[in-house]
Protein backbone atom coordinates (compact mmCIF):
# COMPACT_ATOMS: atom_id res chain seq x y z
CA MET A 1 12.03 -5.34 32.25
CA SER A 2 11.27 -2.61 29.72
CA LYS A 3 8.27 -0.36 29.40
CA ILE A 4 7.14 -0.85 25.80
CA ALA A 5 4.49 1.06 23.84
CA ILE A 6 3.05 -0.84 20.86
CA ILE A 7 1.26 1.18 18.18
CA GLY A 8 -1.18 -1.06 16.34
CA ALA A 9 -1.30 -3.58 19.17
CA THR A 10 -4.52 -5.22 17.96
CA GLY A 11 -3.23 -6.13 14.48
CA ARG A 12 -1.79 -9.49 13.47
CA ALA A 13 1.82 -8.48 14.06
CA GLY A 14 1.06 -6.14 16.95
CA SER A 15 -0.94 -8.72 18.89
CA GLN A 16 1.89 -11.25 18.64
CA LEU A 17 4.38 -8.62 19.78
CA LEU A 18 2.12 -7.92 22.74
CA GLU A 19 2.03 -11.62 23.65
CA GLU A 20 5.80 -12.03 23.29
CA ALA A 21 6.55 -8.96 25.39
CA LEU A 22 4.21 -10.14 28.16
CA ARG A 23 5.67 -13.65 28.02
CA ARG A 24 9.04 -12.13 28.89
CA GLY A 25 7.76 -9.95 31.70
CA HIS A 26 7.77 -6.55 30.04
CA SER A 27 5.22 -3.85 30.77
CA VAL A 28 3.18 -2.94 27.69
CA THR A 29 1.04 0.00 26.69
CA ALA A 30 -1.23 -1.23 23.88
CA ILE A 31 -2.18 1.57 21.49
CA ALA A 32 -4.95 1.33 18.86
CA ARG A 33 -8.14 3.09 17.83
CA ASP A 34 -10.11 0.37 19.61
CA THR A 35 -8.34 -1.82 22.15
CA SER A 36 -11.49 -3.53 23.44
CA LYS A 37 -10.47 -6.92 21.98
CA ILE A 38 -7.41 -6.98 24.26
CA GLY A 39 -9.54 -7.02 27.40
CA VAL A 40 -8.09 -6.70 30.89
CA ARG A 41 -4.62 -8.21 31.00
CA ALA A 42 -1.97 -8.17 33.70
CA GLY A 43 0.97 -6.07 32.55
CA VAL A 44 -1.04 -4.23 29.89
CA VAL A 45 -2.39 -0.70 29.83
CA SER A 46 -4.72 -0.24 26.85
CA GLN A 47 -5.03 3.20 25.28
CA ASN A 48 -7.56 4.10 22.58
CA VAL A 49 -5.69 6.68 20.51
CA ASP A 50 -5.97 8.09 17.00
CA VAL A 51 -2.32 7.69 16.05
CA LEU A 52 -2.63 10.57 13.57
CA ASP A 53 -3.34 12.88 16.53
CA ALA A 54 0.26 13.88 17.21
CA ALA A 55 -0.40 15.44 20.62
CA ALA A 56 -2.35 12.40 21.82
CA LEU A 57 0.30 9.97 20.62
CA GLN A 58 3.08 12.01 22.17
CA ALA A 59 1.27 12.03 25.52
CA VAL A 60 0.66 8.29 25.57
CA VAL A 61 4.19 7.19 24.59
CA ALA A 62 5.97 9.56 26.99
CA GLY A 63 7.88 7.73 29.69
CA HIS A 64 8.41 4.50 27.73
CA ASP A 65 11.77 2.88 27.07
CA VAL A 66 10.82 1.76 23.57
CA VAL A 67 8.06 2.44 21.06
CA ILE A 68 7.18 -0.26 18.52
CA SER A 69 5.13 0.78 15.50
CA ALA A 70 3.13 -2.10 14.02
CA ALA A 71 0.71 0.10 12.09
CA HIS A 72 0.04 -0.01 8.34
CA PHE A 73 2.27 2.36 6.41
CA THR A 74 -0.50 3.64 4.17
CA THR A 75 -2.52 4.84 7.17
CA VAL A 76 0.32 5.82 9.52
CA PRO A 77 3.27 7.40 7.66
CA ALA A 78 6.71 7.92 9.17
CA SER A 79 6.04 11.56 10.07
CA ALA A 80 3.05 10.55 12.22
CA VAL A 81 5.27 8.35 14.36
CA ILE A 82 8.75 9.85 14.35
CA GLY A 83 7.74 13.36 15.42
CA PRO A 84 5.60 12.42 18.45
CA VAL A 85 8.11 9.80 19.64
CA LYS A 86 10.93 12.34 19.55
CA GLN A 87 8.82 15.04 21.20
CA ALA A 88 7.94 12.58 23.96
CA GLY A 89 11.63 12.05 24.68
CA VAL A 90 11.63 8.34 23.82
CA LYS A 91 14.98 7.38 22.33
CA ARG A 92 14.24 3.98 20.74
CA LEU A 93 11.79 3.27 17.92
CA LEU A 94 11.36 -0.19 16.43
CA VAL A 95 9.23 -0.60 13.31
CA VAL A 96 7.43 -3.62 11.89
CA GLY A 97 8.68 -3.30 8.33
CA GLY A 98 7.77 -4.81 5.00
CA ALA A 99 9.55 -7.13 2.59
CA GLY A 100 9.15 -4.92 -0.48
CA SER A 101 12.31 -2.93 0.16
CA LEU A 102 14.48 -6.03 0.65
CA LEU A 103 16.98 -6.88 -2.08
CA LEU A 104 17.00 -9.77 -4.53
CA PRO A 105 20.22 -11.54 -5.63
CA ASP A 106 20.55 -9.19 -8.62
CA GLY A 107 20.48 -6.15 -6.33
CA THR A 108 16.99 -4.98 -7.26
CA ARG A 109 14.22 -4.51 -4.69
CA VAL A 110 11.49 -7.10 -4.18
CA ILE A 111 8.83 -4.47 -4.92
CA ASP A 112 10.35 -3.84 -8.34
CA SER A 113 10.29 -7.50 -9.41
CA ALA A 114 7.96 -8.57 -12.22
CA GLY A 115 5.90 -10.89 -10.04
CA PHE A 116 5.23 -8.50 -7.17
CA PRO A 117 1.46 -8.47 -6.46
CA ALA A 118 -0.12 -5.21 -7.59
CA GLU A 119 -2.51 -5.15 -4.61
CA TYR A 120 0.43 -4.90 -2.18
CA LYS A 121 2.36 -2.24 -4.06
CA THR A 122 0.88 0.84 -2.34
CA GLU A 123 1.58 -0.48 1.16
CA ALA A 124 5.04 -1.72 0.16
CA SER A 125 5.94 1.64 -1.38
CA ALA A 126 4.85 3.40 1.80
CA GLY A 127 6.99 0.98 3.80
CA GLY A 128 10.00 1.82 1.68
CA ALA A 129 9.35 5.52 2.26
CA PHE A 130 9.15 4.90 6.03
CA LEU A 131 12.54 3.16 5.95
CA GLU A 132 14.09 6.02 3.98
CA ALA A 133 12.71 8.53 6.49
CA LEU A 134 14.35 6.56 9.30
CA ARG A 135 17.65 6.50 7.44
CA GLN A 136 17.56 10.31 7.38
CA GLU A 137 16.75 10.50 11.09
CA GLN A 138 19.58 11.95 13.18
CA GLU A 139 18.26 11.61 16.72
CA LEU A 140 16.32 8.40 17.23
CA ASP A 141 17.89 5.01 17.87
CA TRP A 142 15.73 3.17 15.33
CA THR A 143 15.45 -0.36 13.99
CA PHE A 144 13.31 -1.54 11.05
CA LEU A 145 12.63 -5.28 10.93
CA SER A 146 11.47 -6.57 7.55
CA PRO A 147 9.64 -9.90 7.50
CA SER A 148 10.10 -12.39 4.69
CA ALA A 149 7.91 -12.23 1.57
CA GLN A 150 5.15 -14.24 3.21
CA PHE A 151 4.14 -12.96 6.67
CA VAL A 152 1.72 -15.57 7.99
CA GLU A 153 -0.09 -17.10 10.94
CA GLY A 154 1.65 -20.14 12.38
CA GLU A 155 3.58 -21.65 15.24
CA ARG A 156 6.10 -20.05 17.52
CA SER A 157 9.16 -22.21 16.83
CA GLY A 158 12.04 -19.92 17.77
CA ALA A 159 14.00 -21.39 14.84
CA PHE A 160 14.67 -18.84 12.11
CA ARG A 161 17.50 -17.09 10.31
CA VAL A 162 18.46 -13.44 10.65
CA GLY A 163 19.63 -11.40 7.66
CA LYS A 164 20.34 -7.79 6.80
CA ASP A 165 19.02 -6.24 3.57
CA ASP A 166 18.63 -9.34 1.36
CA LEU A 167 15.42 -11.36 1.11
CA LEU A 168 15.81 -14.68 2.92
CA VAL A 169 14.68 -17.74 0.95
CA SER A 170 14.57 -21.30 2.30
CA ALA A 171 16.21 -24.27 0.61
CA GLU A 172 12.76 -25.13 -0.74
CA GLY A 173 12.53 -21.73 -2.43
CA ARG A 174 10.01 -20.20 -0.03
CA SER A 175 10.43 -16.86 1.74
CA TRP A 176 8.32 -16.79 4.88
CA ILE A 177 8.06 -16.13 8.61
CA THR A 178 5.22 -16.48 11.10
CA PHE A 179 3.99 -13.52 13.13
CA ALA A 180 4.91 -15.42 16.31
CA ASP A 181 8.53 -16.05 15.31
CA TYR A 182 8.84 -12.51 13.94
CA ALA A 183 7.73 -11.28 17.38
CA ILE A 184 10.54 -13.26 19.00
CA ALA A 185 13.10 -11.54 16.76
CA LEU A 186 11.76 -8.06 17.43
CA ILE A 187 11.50 -8.46 21.20
CA ASP A 188 15.01 -9.97 21.15
CA GLU A 189 16.08 -6.67 19.58
CA VAL A 190 14.32 -4.74 22.35
CA GLU A 191 16.19 -6.72 25.00
CA THR A 192 19.58 -7.04 23.28
CA PRO A 193 20.02 -4.37 20.59
CA LYS A 194 22.13 -5.59 17.68
CA HIS A 195 20.73 -3.49 14.82
CA SER A 196 20.85 0.10 16.02
CA ARG A 197 19.98 2.51 13.20
CA GLN A 198 19.71 -0.43 10.79
CA ARG A 199 17.19 -2.57 8.96
CA PHE A 200 17.34 -6.33 9.32
CA THR A 201 15.16 -9.26 8.31
CA VAL A 202 14.08 -12.69 9.54
CA GLY A 203 12.96 -15.85 7.74
CA TYR A 204 13.28 -19.61 7.64
């Protein structure tokens, strides 16, 4: 059993990570500005924290085996997470990534493709910057898990493919993963690390 801190535990990805971690018997500290929607749960300690308050975040993640950041990149940049996690003495940081920095068959990034939705560009750019910051990081044992192009609600099937830096596309031409199956892949990485200091991706 690991002691896991989840930043952004009330979001769509974060809430599924919380459920998956609890399903497997881990102890979770749920971190968000307002954790009231989580309620009282066995195995969960809820902490209302402004993640941009470095001292507060450092204090709440101290003593954990792993920190998972599931916060939006535009509101919580890499510096807001990496510094406090290191200062707290936590060695492992896993990040809910984005698909924009994944590569297409021609070697270009998804975010740079002609059809990339303009409304997602700011968040995707910030996600790419977060990944680059991790790649420069010398101390933390980090992992950045990019979802497929479509990150959606849906069933927990446990049947998905794992890739590295290339966008995964199904035989039907769709690139997608549910939050529930994504959570399986990330908690698998918590339990059995296979992508230390690497980005990887999951999809159907």
